[in-house]
Amino acid sequence: DKTQLTRVFKKSPQLFRLDVSKSMEPRFQFLEQLGIPKGMHPSLLVKDPAIMNRTISSMEENALFLLELGFDAQSLQLVLVKHPSLLRYNRQSMSKIVYFFNKLGITANERVILISRLPQVFSMSLEKNLMAKFSYFLRTLGWSVHDLALAPQVLSLSLKGRILGRHQFLVQKGCFEYFRDFKRRRWLLVTDAVFAKSIAKCSLEEYQTFLKAFQKTAAGRAQGPGSDRRKQNARGSASGRKGRSKKLTKTPSSKKRV
């Protein structure tokens, strides 16, 4: 299919330089060994052509890692067809995320379900992304880690871009307690228009105005109280340097002869 090939080479133009028989065919054979039939190989390439640049040994390590986590041959095949990038993620980062799940009390079965439903979880930063989201969902919203493991879609949402703003807007509207229940998490998953009309019962403009002000305030807090002083000090230092440079470059005036 020409359309698929175009998408593949746009995503990964370096594939043009690969030798088909020496580089690509062995990797396709490896995919067949994992139970992924030839007919599915083009769709895998479209989703992530970069897997052709990974060594077979590294992809094999990732596949074995997933099997050790509890995937069987069939579920492994399904999750790889859905998200082939699992074959090229950094193994060490994957191990850290799994260790974090274990510390939270996520069971082996829940872990497989979580990864199957949100395989891109391994592309998220543990320190900058997952830890903050789990902390917010578990401590602030009071949700269960087991609920999150079985319905992990909310983990893919932006904490600053969506979760915090919608939560605070519902608090302001005085109706958040009703939506605190994890079963009513639809308020996070729908579009802004549906959220405003069906959840918050307001106009989209009202919500967008609130969100803009909320994000501006949050950005100011993130900079810290000393940011303005630092800017003023920087401006003062710059003006001081300019003043000194003027003095240094000023030519001395010639004295009048008497």
Protein backbone atom coordinates (compact mmCIF):
# COMPACT_ATOMS: atom_id res chain seq x y z
CA ASP A 1 0.00 0.00 0.00
CA LYS A 2 1.58 3.26 -1.19
CA THR A 3 -0.18 5.35 1.47
CA GLN A 4 1.21 3.17 4.27
CA LEU A 5 4.70 3.23 2.76
CA THR A 6 4.57 7.02 2.53
CA ARG A 7 3.61 7.27 6.21
CA VAL A 8 6.39 4.87 7.18
CA PHE A 9 9.13 6.74 5.35
CA LYS A 10 7.88 10.11 6.59
CA LYS A 11 8.14 8.86 10.16
CA SER A 12 11.47 7.17 9.67
CA PRO A 13 13.28 8.25 6.47
CA GLN A 14 16.41 6.37 7.56
CA LEU A 15 14.63 3.15 6.54
CA PHE A 16 15.59 4.02 2.97
CA ARG A 17 19.18 3.25 3.91
CA LEU A 18 18.46 -0.18 5.44
CA ASP A 19 19.33 -3.34 3.56
CA VAL A 20 16.09 -5.32 3.17
CA SER A 21 17.67 -8.78 3.30
CA LYS A 22 20.25 -8.06 6.00
CA SER A 23 18.38 -5.63 8.25
CA MET A 24 14.64 -5.81 7.74
CA GLU A 25 13.95 -9.47 6.95
CA PRO A 26 15.61 -10.81 10.15
CA ARG A 27 13.44 -8.44 12.19
CA PHE A 28 10.31 -9.53 10.37
CA GLN A 29 11.28 -13.14 11.08
CA PHE A 30 11.63 -12.24 14.75
CA LEU A 31 8.12 -10.75 14.74
CA GLU A 32 6.85 -14.01 13.24
CA GLN A 33 8.55 -15.94 16.04
CA LEU A 34 6.57 -13.83 18.48
CA GLY A 35 3.39 -15.01 16.77
CA ILE A 36 2.73 -11.86 14.75
CA PRO A 37 1.72 -12.94 11.22
CA LYS A 38 3.20 -11.35 8.10
CA GLY A 39 -0.07 -9.65 7.26
CA MET A 40 0.25 -7.49 10.38
CA HIS A 41 3.85 -6.41 9.78
CA PRO A 42 2.97 -3.38 7.61
CA SER A 43 0.65 -1.99 10.30
CA LEU A 44 3.42 -2.39 12.90
CA LEU A 45 5.81 -0.47 10.67
CA VAL A 46 3.27 2.30 10.19
CA LYS A 47 2.79 2.61 13.97
CA ASP A 48 6.50 2.61 14.77
CA PRO A 49 9.02 2.20 11.94
CA ALA A 50 11.85 2.83 14.43
CA ILE A 51 11.66 -0.80 15.59
CA MET A 52 13.58 -1.67 12.43
CA ASN A 53 16.56 0.20 13.88
CA ARG A 54 16.63 -1.83 17.10
CA THR A 55 18.84 -4.85 17.47
CA ILE A 56 17.06 -8.19 17.55
CA SER A 57 18.68 -9.01 20.89
CA SER A 58 17.33 -5.84 22.53
CA MET A 59 13.82 -6.50 21.17
CA GLU A 60 14.06 -10.07 22.40
CA GLU A 61 15.01 -8.82 25.88
CA ASN A 62 11.95 -6.58 25.98
CA ALA A 63 9.69 -9.42 24.84
CA LEU A 64 11.10 -11.72 27.53
CA PHE A 65 10.67 -8.95 30.09
CA LEU A 66 6.96 -8.71 29.25
CA LEU A 67 6.60 -12.49 29.45
CA GLU A 68 8.22 -12.42 32.89
CA LEU A 69 5.69 -9.79 33.98
CA GLY A 70 2.85 -12.21 33.31
CA PHE A 71 1.98 -11.89 29.63
CA ASP A 72 1.36 -15.15 27.79
CA ALA A 73 2.14 -15.68 24.11
CA GLN A 74 -1.29 -14.55 22.92
CA SER A 75 -1.57 -11.45 25.11
CA LEU A 76 2.00 -10.49 24.20
CA GLN A 77 1.15 -10.70 20.51
CA LEU A 78 -1.94 -8.52 20.99
CA VAL A 79 -0.16 -5.82 22.98
CA LEU A 80 2.75 -5.67 20.51
CA VAL A 81 0.38 -5.29 17.56
CA LYS A 82 -1.36 -2.52 19.46
CA HIS A 83 1.85 -0.78 20.54
CA PRO A 84 5.03 -2.11 18.85
CA SER A 85 7.11 0.57 20.59
CA LEU A 86 7.23 -1.81 23.57
CA LEU A 87 9.99 -3.60 21.68
CA ARG A 88 12.27 -0.57 21.70
CA TYR A 89 11.64 1.11 25.07
CA ASN A 90 14.56 1.37 27.45
CA ARG A 91 14.61 -1.79 29.55
CA GLN A 92 15.96 -0.05 32.64
CA SER A 93 13.21 2.58 32.57
CA MET A 94 10.60 -0.15 32.15
CA SER A 95 11.97 -1.99 35.18
CA LYS A 96 11.79 1.16 37.32
CA ILE A 97 8.16 1.72 36.38
CA VAL A 98 7.26 -1.89 37.18
CA TYR A 99 9.05 -1.60 40.53
CA PHE A 100 7.00 1.54 41.24
CA PHE A 101 3.79 -0.35 40.43
CA ASN A 102 4.81 -3.14 42.79
CA LYS A 103 5.48 -0.67 45.61
CA LEU A 104 2.00 0.80 45.10
CA GLY A 105 0.49 -2.64 45.63
CA ILE A 106 -0.56 -3.34 42.06
CA THR A 107 -0.89 -7.10 41.63
CA ALA A 108 0.70 -9.13 38.83
CA ASN A 109 -2.66 -9.60 37.10
CA GLU A 110 -3.52 -5.89 37.42
CA ARG A 111 -0.09 -5.02 36.05
CA VAL A 112 -0.73 -7.01 32.87
CA ILE A 113 -4.14 -5.38 32.44
CA LEU A 114 -2.69 -1.89 32.99
CA ILE A 115 0.07 -2.41 30.41
CA SER A 116 -2.33 -4.03 27.93
CA ARG A 117 -4.75 -1.11 28.15
CA LEU A 118 -2.11 1.62 28.33
CA PRO A 119 1.14 0.24 26.84
CA GLN A 120 2.48 3.76 26.32
CA VAL A 121 2.82 3.98 30.09
CA PHE A 122 6.43 2.88 29.54
CA SER A 123 7.07 6.01 27.49
CA MET A 124 6.15 8.26 30.43
CA SER A 125 8.71 9.69 32.82
CA LEU A 126 8.44 8.04 36.23
CA GLU A 127 9.73 11.05 38.17
CA LYS A 128 8.12 13.86 36.16
CA ASN A 129 4.86 12.21 35.14
CA LEU A 130 3.64 8.99 36.73
CA MET A 131 4.60 9.69 40.34
CA ALA A 132 2.86 13.08 40.30
CA LYS A 133 -0.31 11.66 38.75
CA PHE A 134 -0.56 8.68 41.07
CA SER A 135 0.03 10.98 44.04
CA TYR A 136 -2.75 13.30 42.92
CA PHE A 137 -5.25 10.56 42.14
CA LEU A 138 -4.55 8.58 45.30
CA ARG A 139 -4.04 11.35 47.87
CA THR A 140 -6.05 14.29 46.57
CA LEU A 141 -8.94 12.50 44.88
CA GLY A 142 -8.87 9.42 47.10
CA TRP A 143 -9.02 6.96 44.22
CA SER A 144 -7.89 3.35 44.59
CA VAL A 145 -4.67 2.14 42.99
CA HIS A 146 -6.53 -1.00 41.91
CA ASP A 147 -9.16 1.08 40.08
CA LEU A 148 -6.40 3.00 38.30
CA ALA A 149 -4.70 -0.24 37.29
CA LEU A 150 -7.88 -1.63 35.72
CA ALA A 151 -8.87 1.65 34.02
CA PRO A 152 -5.56 3.47 33.44
CA GLN A 153 -6.68 5.80 30.63
CA VAL A 154 -6.68 8.77 33.02
CA LEU A 155 -2.91 8.32 33.44
CA SER A 156 -2.42 9.41 29.83
CA LEU A 157 -4.02 12.80 30.49
CA SER A 158 -2.03 15.95 31.24
CA LEU A 159 -1.95 16.80 34.94
CA LYS A 160 -1.46 20.53 34.38
CA GLY A 161 -3.32 20.76 31.08
CA ARG A 162 -6.52 18.95 32.04
CA ILE A 163 -6.73 17.18 35.41
CA LEU A 164 -5.98 20.06 37.79
CA GLY A 165 -8.03 22.63 35.89
CA ARG A 166 -11.16 20.52 35.61
CA HIS A 167 -10.95 19.43 39.22
CA GLN A 168 -10.70 23.00 40.48
CA PHE A 169 -13.47 24.19 38.16
CA LEU A 170 -15.85 21.57 39.54
CA VAL A 171 -14.82 22.56 43.07
CA GLN A 172 -15.64 26.18 42.24
CA LYS A 173 -19.00 25.07 40.86
CA GLY A 174 -19.66 23.21 44.11
CA CYS A 175 -20.33 19.87 42.46
CA PHE A 176 -17.02 18.03 42.67
CA GLU A 177 -18.00 15.72 45.54
CA TYR A 178 -20.49 14.03 43.24
CA PHE A 179 -17.73 13.35 40.70
CA ARG A 180 -15.12 12.25 43.24
CA ASP A 181 -16.23 8.64 42.78
CA PHE A 182 -13.88 6.87 40.36
CA LYS A 183 -16.86 5.39 38.53
CA ARG A 184 -17.83 8.93 37.52
CA ARG A 185 -14.40 9.74 36.03
CA ARG A 186 -16.02 10.69 32.71
CA TRP A 187 -15.42 14.35 33.63
CA LEU A 188 -11.75 13.77 32.82
CA LEU A 189 -12.17 11.79 29.63
CA VAL A 190 -14.57 13.91 27.57
CA THR A 191 -13.75 16.92 25.38
CA ASP A 192 -13.82 20.47 26.75
CA ALA A 193 -17.14 21.15 25.02
CA VAL A 194 -18.82 18.06 26.50
CA PHE A 195 -17.27 18.73 29.91
CA ALA A 196 -18.66 22.27 30.00
CA LYS A 197 -22.13 21.41 28.69
CA SER A 198 -22.83 18.01 30.28
CA ILE A 199 -20.64 17.93 33.38
CA ALA A 200 -20.17 21.50 34.64
CA LYS A 201 -23.48 22.76 33.18
CA CYS A 202 -21.99 25.97 31.83
CA SER A 203 -20.86 27.53 28.57
CA LEU A 204 -17.59 26.50 26.97
CA GLU A 205 -16.47 30.14 27.11
CA GLU A 206 -16.91 30.26 30.89
CA TYR A 207 -14.78 27.16 31.38
CA GLN A 208 -12.09 28.34 28.96
CA THR A 209 -11.90 31.72 30.70
CA PHE A 210 -11.48 29.99 34.06
CA LEU A 211 -8.89 27.58 32.67
CA LYS A 212 -6.82 30.37 31.16
CA ALA A 213 -6.74 32.27 34.46
CA PHE A 214 -6.06 29.08 36.44
CA GLN A 215 -3.12 28.07 34.25
CA LYS A 216 -1.69 31.58 34.42
CA THR A 217 -1.86 31.51 38.22
CA ALA A 218 -0.33 28.03 38.32
CA ALA A 219 2.52 29.15 36.06
CA GLY A 220 3.21 32.09 38.39
CA ARG A 221 3.36 29.78 41.39
CA ALA A 222 5.71 27.44 39.56
CA GLN A 223 8.17 30.29 39.02
CA GLY A 224 8.28 30.93 42.76
CA PRO A 225 7.98 34.09 44.85
CA GLY A 226 11.56 35.09 44.24
CA SER A 227 11.30 35.13 40.46
CA ASP A 228 10.29 38.82 40.30
CA ARG A 229 13.17 39.81 42.59
CA ARG A 230 15.58 37.80 40.46
CA LYS A 231 14.34 39.58 37.34
CA GLN A 232 14.72 42.97 39.03
CA ASN A 233 18.22 42.07 40.24
CA ALA A 234 19.13 40.91 36.75
CA ARG A 235 17.88 44.17 35.26
CA GLY A 236 19.74 46.12 37.94
CA SER A 237 22.95 44.23 37.27
CA ALA A 238 22.58 44.79 33.55
CA SER A 239 22.00 48.52 33.96
CA GLY A 240 24.96 48.70 36.35
CA ARG A 241 27.20 47.04 33.82
CA LYS A 242 26.00 49.42 31.14
CA GLY A 243 26.77 52.39 33.43
CA ARG A 244 30.27 51.11 34.16
CA SER A 245 30.94 50.45 30.50
CA LYS A 246 29.95 53.99 29.68
CA LYS A 247 32.42 55.31 32.26
CA LEU A 248 35.16 53.06 30.94
CA THR A 249 34.63 54.06 27.34
CA LYS A 250 34.12 57.76 28.00
CA THR A 251 36.98 59.77 26.51
CA PRO A 252 38.63 62.27 28.87
CA SER A 253 37.89 65.90 28.10
CA SER A 254 40.91 67.97 27.08
CA LYS A 255 41.91 70.73 29.50
CA LYS A 256 41.83 74.26 28.21
CA ARG A 257 45.22 75.94 27.99
CA VAL A 258 45.56 79.20 29.85
